[in-house]
Amino acid sequence: MTKTKAAHAQDAKTQAALNPGDEAAPGTKGTGEDICPDCHGKGRIDGAPCATCGGSGTITRAVGGA
């Protein structure tokens, strides 16, 4: 089965929305927002946007643990 152009476009949007500290795309089932461990929720380190959270101050983490 091949992907449609719309599916490829959605994949590209998801990839663009991920930051290096994210464990999954925002809104993924079984995930939630957490404070960035590197900038502690401030979004900046030494005046520059935090590389881990992309400047948002939050990352997406898996929650639970079955």
N, C-alpha and C. Protein backbone atom coordinates (compact mmCIF):
# COMPACT_ATOMS: atom_id res chain seq x y z
N MET A 1 0.85 -1.18 0.00
CA MET A 1 0.00 0.00 0.00
C MET A 1 0.89 1.24 0.00
N THR A 2 0.61 2.16 -0.87
CA THR A 2 1.41 3.38 -0.95
C THR A 2 0.67 4.53 -0.29
N LYS A 3 1.44 5.49 0.17
CA LYS A 3 0.86 6.66 0.83
C LYS A 3 0.38 7.67 -0.21
N THR A 4 -0.68 8.36 0.16
CA THR A 4 -1.19 9.42 -0.70
C THR A 4 -0.37 10.68 -0.47
N LYS A 5 -0.55 11.66 -1.34
CA LYS A 5 0.15 12.94 -1.16
C LYS A 5 -0.25 13.58 0.16
N ALA A 6 -1.51 13.45 0.55
CA ALA A 6 -1.98 14.02 1.82
C ALA A 6 -1.29 13.37 3.01
N ALA A 7 -1.09 12.05 2.94
CA ALA A 7 -0.42 11.34 4.02
C ALA A 7 1.03 11.77 4.12
N HIS A 8 1.70 11.95 2.98
CA HIS A 8 3.08 12.43 3.00
C HIS A 8 3.16 13.85 3.56
N ALA A 9 2.20 14.69 3.21
CA ALA A 9 2.17 16.06 3.72
C ALA A 9 1.98 16.06 5.23
N GLN A 10 1.11 15.18 5.74
CA GLN A 10 0.88 15.07 7.18
C GLN A 10 2.15 14.59 7.88
N ASP A 11 2.87 13.62 7.29
CA ASP A 11 4.13 13.15 7.86
C ASP A 11 5.14 14.28 7.95
N ALA A 12 5.20 15.11 6.94
CA ALA A 12 6.13 16.23 6.92
C ALA A 12 5.77 17.24 8.01
N LYS A 13 4.47 17.48 8.22
CA LYS A 13 4.05 18.40 9.28
C LYS A 13 4.42 17.84 10.64
N THR A 14 4.23 16.54 10.84
CA THR A 14 4.56 15.91 12.11
C THR A 14 6.05 16.00 12.38
N GLN A 15 6.86 15.74 11.36
CA GLN A 15 8.30 15.83 11.53
C GLN A 15 8.72 17.24 11.88
N ALA A 16 8.09 18.23 11.27
CA ALA A 16 8.44 19.62 11.53
C ALA A 16 8.05 20.02 12.95
N ALA A 17 7.01 19.42 13.50
CA ALA A 17 6.52 19.79 14.82
C ALA A 17 7.36 19.17 15.94
N LEU A 18 8.15 18.17 15.66
CA LEU A 18 8.95 17.51 16.68
C LEU A 18 10.20 18.31 17.01
N ASN A 19 10.53 18.34 18.29
CA ASN A 19 11.78 18.92 18.75
C ASN A 19 12.67 17.79 19.24
N PRO A 20 13.97 18.00 19.34
CA PRO A 20 14.87 16.93 19.75
C PRO A 20 14.51 16.26 21.08
N GLY A 21 13.90 16.99 22.00
CA GLY A 21 13.54 16.41 23.29
C GLY A 21 12.23 15.65 23.31
N ASP A 22 11.45 15.72 22.22
CA ASP A 22 10.16 15.03 22.16
C ASP A 22 10.34 13.54 21.97
N GLU A 23 9.54 12.77 22.69
CA GLU A 23 9.53 11.32 22.52
C GLU A 23 8.50 10.89 21.48
N ALA A 24 7.56 11.76 21.19
CA ALA A 24 6.51 11.48 20.19
C ALA A 24 5.93 12.80 19.72
N ALA A 25 5.16 12.74 18.67
CA ALA A 25 4.50 13.95 18.15
C ALA A 25 3.45 14.43 19.14
N PRO A 26 3.28 15.75 19.27
CA PRO A 26 2.23 16.27 20.14
C PRO A 26 0.87 15.70 19.77
N GLY A 27 0.09 15.33 20.78
CA GLY A 27 -1.23 14.78 20.56
C GLY A 27 -1.26 13.27 20.38
N THR A 28 -0.08 12.63 20.39
CA THR A 28 -0.03 11.18 20.26
C THR A 28 -0.65 10.55 21.50
N LYS A 29 -1.46 9.54 21.30
CA LYS A 29 -2.12 8.84 22.39
C LYS A 29 -1.06 8.29 23.35
N GLY A 30 -1.27 8.48 24.65
CA GLY A 30 -0.34 7.98 25.65
C GLY A 30 0.83 8.91 25.93
N THR A 31 0.71 10.18 25.49
CA THR A 31 1.76 11.16 25.75
C THR A 31 1.19 12.39 26.42
N GLY A 32 2.07 13.21 26.95
CA GLY A 32 1.66 14.47 27.55
C GLY A 32 2.82 15.43 27.57
N GLU A 33 2.51 16.68 27.84
CA GLU A 33 3.56 17.70 27.90
C GLU A 33 4.27 17.63 29.24
N ASP A 34 5.56 17.93 29.21
CA ASP A 34 6.38 17.99 30.42
C ASP A 34 7.30 19.19 30.28
N ILE A 35 7.77 19.69 31.39
CA ILE A 35 8.71 20.81 31.36
C ILE A 35 10.05 20.33 30.81
N CYS A 36 10.65 21.13 29.96
CA CYS A 36 11.93 20.79 29.35
C CYS A 36 12.99 20.63 30.45
N PRO A 37 13.72 19.52 30.42
CA PRO A 37 14.73 19.29 31.46
C PRO A 37 15.97 20.18 31.30
N ASP A 38 16.18 20.75 30.14
CA ASP A 38 17.38 21.55 29.92
C ASP A 38 17.19 23.03 30.26
N CYS A 39 16.07 23.62 29.85
CA CYS A 39 15.85 25.05 30.13
C CYS A 39 14.89 25.25 31.30
N HIS A 40 14.37 24.16 31.86
CA HIS A 40 13.46 24.19 33.02
C HIS A 40 12.21 25.01 32.74
N GLY A 41 11.71 24.92 31.51
CA GLY A 41 10.46 25.57 31.14
C GLY A 41 10.58 27.00 30.68
N LYS A 42 11.78 27.55 30.66
CA LYS A 42 11.97 28.94 30.26
C LYS A 42 12.01 29.12 28.74
N GLY A 43 12.41 28.09 28.01
CA GLY A 43 12.46 28.16 26.55
C GLY A 43 13.75 28.76 26.02
N ARG A 44 14.60 29.28 26.90
CA ARG A 44 15.85 29.90 26.46
C ARG A 44 16.99 29.46 27.37
N ILE A 45 18.17 29.35 26.77
CA ILE A 45 19.40 29.07 27.51
C ILE A 45 20.43 30.09 27.04
N ASP A 46 20.96 30.85 27.97
CA ASP A 46 21.94 31.90 27.66
C ASP A 46 21.43 32.86 26.56
N GLY A 47 20.15 33.19 26.60
CA GLY A 47 19.57 34.14 25.66
C GLY A 47 19.17 33.57 24.32
N ALA A 48 19.50 32.31 24.06
CA ALA A 48 19.15 31.68 22.78
C ALA A 48 18.04 30.66 23.00
N PRO A 49 17.21 30.40 21.98
CA PRO A 49 16.18 29.37 22.12
C PRO A 49 16.80 28.03 22.50
N CYS A 50 16.16 27.34 23.41
CA CYS A 50 16.62 26.02 23.85
C CYS A 50 16.55 25.04 22.68
N ALA A 51 17.62 24.32 22.46
CA ALA A 51 17.67 23.35 21.36
C ALA A 51 16.82 22.12 21.64
N THR A 52 16.62 21.79 22.90
CA THR A 52 15.87 20.59 23.25
C THR A 52 14.38 20.75 22.99
N CYS A 53 13.82 21.88 23.41
CA CYS A 53 12.37 22.10 23.27
C CYS A 53 12.01 23.04 22.14
N GLY A 54 12.99 23.55 21.43
CA GLY A 54 12.72 24.48 20.34
C GLY A 54 12.24 25.84 20.81
N GLY A 55 12.47 26.15 22.09
CA GLY A 55 12.07 27.44 22.62
C GLY A 55 10.68 27.47 23.23
N SER A 56 10.00 26.34 23.26
CA SER A 56 8.64 26.31 23.81
C SER A 56 8.62 26.14 25.33
N GLY A 57 9.67 25.56 25.89
CA GLY A 57 9.71 25.30 27.33
C GLY A 57 9.10 23.96 27.70
N THR A 58 8.50 23.28 26.73
CA THR A 58 7.90 21.97 27.02
C THR A 58 8.35 20.93 25.99
N ILE A 59 8.29 19.68 26.41
CA ILE A 59 8.56 18.55 25.52
C ILE A 59 7.40 17.57 25.64
N THR A 60 7.28 16.68 24.67
CA THR A 60 6.22 15.66 24.71
C THR A 60 6.85 14.35 25.16
N ARG A 61 6.30 13.76 26.23
CA ARG A 61 6.82 12.51 26.79
C ARG A 61 5.74 11.44 26.82
N ALA A 62 6.20 10.21 26.79
CA ALA A 62 5.29 9.09 27.00
C ALA A 62 4.89 9.07 28.46
N VAL A 63 3.63 8.80 28.74
CA VAL A 63 3.15 8.70 30.11
C VAL A 63 2.62 7.31 30.37
N GLY A 64 2.57 6.94 31.61
CA GLY A 64 2.12 5.60 31.96
C GLY A 64 3.29 4.64 31.83
N GLY A 65 3.04 3.42 31.81
CA GLY A 65 4.11 2.45 31.69
C GLY A 65 3.58 1.05 31.97
N ALA A 66 2.92 0.54 31.02
CA ALA A 66 2.36 -0.79 31.21
C ALA A 66 3.37 -1.84 30.82
